[in-house]
Structure formats: structure tokens, C-alpha cells
Protein backbone atom coordinates (compact mmCIF):
# COMPACT_ATOMS: atom_id res chain seq x y z
CA MET A 1 72.85 211.24 87.72
CA LYS A 2 75.14 213.10 85.31
CA ASN A 3 78.19 211.35 86.75
CA ARG A 4 76.57 207.96 86.30
CA VAL A 5 75.56 208.74 82.71
CA PHE A 6 79.04 210.06 81.99
CA ALA A 7 80.66 206.95 83.51
CA THR A 8 78.38 204.67 81.53
CA LEU A 9 79.05 206.53 78.31
CA SER A 10 82.76 206.55 79.05
CA CYS A 11 82.74 202.78 79.36
CA MET A 12 80.76 202.38 76.17
CA THR A 13 82.53 205.13 74.26
CA LEU A 14 84.85 204.30 71.45
CA PHE A 15 88.51 204.57 72.37
CA THR A 16 91.19 205.30 69.87
CA ALA A 17 94.67 203.93 70.37
CA ALA A 18 97.62 206.24 70.14
CA ALA A 19 98.64 205.41 66.62
CA ALA A 20 100.92 206.44 63.84
CA PHE A 21 99.34 205.87 60.44
CA ALA A 22 101.02 205.45 57.09
CA GLN A 23 99.81 206.23 53.60
CA SER A 24 96.18 205.89 52.51
CA ASN A 25 96.68 202.85 50.26
CA GLY A 26 94.97 200.53 52.71
CA LEU A 27 98.07 200.04 54.88
CA MET A 28 98.26 201.63 58.31
CA HIS A 29 100.49 201.13 61.33
CA ALA A 30 99.34 201.49 64.92
CA ASP A 31 101.00 201.15 68.33
CA ILE A 32 98.23 199.63 70.45
CA PRO A 33 99.06 199.79 74.17
CA PHE A 34 96.52 197.21 75.40
CA GLU A 35 95.26 193.68 74.72
CA PHE A 36 92.18 193.66 72.46
CA ARG A 37 89.82 191.39 70.55
CA VAL A 38 89.34 191.25 66.80
CA GLY A 39 86.46 188.94 65.98
CA ASN A 40 87.06 185.80 68.05
CA THR A 41 90.81 186.41 68.41
CA THR A 42 92.50 188.15 71.34
CA LEU A 43 95.65 190.02 70.38
CA PRO A 44 98.34 191.38 72.73
CA ALA A 45 99.52 194.96 72.95
CA GLY A 46 102.05 195.80 70.26
CA TYR A 47 102.91 197.58 67.03
CA TYR A 48 100.45 196.45 64.34
CA GLU A 49 100.19 196.59 60.58
CA VAL A 50 96.58 197.00 59.48
CA ARG A 51 95.63 196.21 55.87
CA THR A 52 92.16 197.19 54.75
CA GLN A 53 92.60 196.50 51.04
CA PHE A 54 93.96 192.95 51.27
CA ALA A 55 90.79 191.57 49.67
CA PRO A 56 87.29 193.04 49.42
CA GLY A 57 85.63 192.92 52.84
CA ILE A 58 88.66 191.47 54.66
CA LEU A 59 90.73 193.25 57.32
CA VAL A 60 94.18 191.89 58.17
CA ILE A 61 95.80 193.02 61.41
CA ARG A 62 99.27 191.69 62.18
CA CYS A 63 101.97 192.23 64.82
CA TYR A 64 105.36 190.95 63.68
CA GLU A 65 107.01 191.62 67.07
CA CYS A 66 104.50 189.56 69.05
CA ASN A 67 103.84 186.98 66.29
CA ALA A 68 100.07 187.57 66.31
CA ALA A 69 97.53 188.16 63.56
CA ALA A 70 93.82 188.14 62.81
CA LEU A 71 91.58 188.22 59.75
CA VAL A 72 88.08 189.59 60.03
CA MET A 73 85.25 190.27 57.60
CA THR A 74 84.21 193.91 57.37
CA ALA A 75 81.47 196.10 55.97
CA LYS A 76 82.50 199.22 54.08
CA VAL A 77 81.01 202.57 55.09
CA GLU A 78 81.86 206.10 54.06
CA ALA A 79 82.12 209.18 56.25
CA ARG A 80 80.53 212.48 55.28
CA GLU A 81 83.91 214.19 55.31
CA LYS A 82 87.36 212.97 54.27
CA ARG A 83 89.66 212.11 57.16
CA GLU A 84 93.19 213.51 57.25
CA THR A 85 94.44 210.57 59.31
CA GLY A 86 93.29 207.02 59.85
CA ALA A 87 91.99 205.73 63.16
CA LEU A 88 91.36 202.48 64.96
CA VAL A 89 88.32 202.72 67.21
CA PHE A 90 87.80 200.38 70.14
CA ASN A 91 84.82 199.53 72.34
CA ARG A 92 85.64 199.03 76.01
CA HIS A 93 83.55 196.71 78.16
CA GLY A 94 84.89 196.62 81.68
CA GLY A 95 88.65 196.36 81.30
CA LYS A 96 88.52 194.59 77.91
CA TYR A 97 88.80 196.21 74.50
CA ALA A 98 87.45 195.14 71.12
CA LEU A 99 88.24 196.65 67.74
CA ALA A 100 85.03 198.31 66.53
CA ASN A 101 85.95 200.47 63.51
CA VAL A 102 88.85 201.12 61.19
CA TRP A 103 88.84 204.50 59.43
CA ASN A 104 91.19 204.95 56.50
CA PRO A 105 92.67 208.34 55.71
CA GLY A 106 91.11 209.99 52.66
């Protein structure tokens, strides 16, 4: 039973891409090693620029190498503690990933 619960939670758990993040001015960079969805757009693996302060409530994610980009509306939330680094959090359903959260540093 524990193995099944663990496997289910593992599939539903949020995955974070191995990423290198820049300054906390709303611009981050991330090397995402898998294909993923942002809203209704599927983006390939690649090195992405993520802008969270493009316009209020809009997230821009762009890969110049693979010529791919997506805009998505967001809802702002605040964590209880300040983060030292930013993070992109993904949901995994089967073998497919979807961007779930973007956490800015600070």
C-alpha cells in the first residue's frame, strides 16, 4: 500500500527542472530538459528565459535556441518565507509535464 501511495504521489508531485536562475527583477533563466506544456502550448526542451514582471498577471517564457515561446495569465501568491533562489515547478501526468508554479527569488 505504501509503495502504491508513494508511486501515486510521485506522479502527482511537483517536479523542479534543473535550472540556473538570474537576478530577482522578474527575469530568470532555466535549462529545462524535457518537453512541457504552458497553458495550451507545448514547448520543447531547451534553455528558457522566464519573465514574471512583463505585465501584471502575465508570464512570458521564451526559448531563443528552439524558437518557441508562450504567454500565460498568472495569479500572484506570496510564500511565508523569502526564497534564496527561484524555481519552476512542474506537474507530471504520465510522461507529460506541465508548468504549475513559478517562484521568484526574494
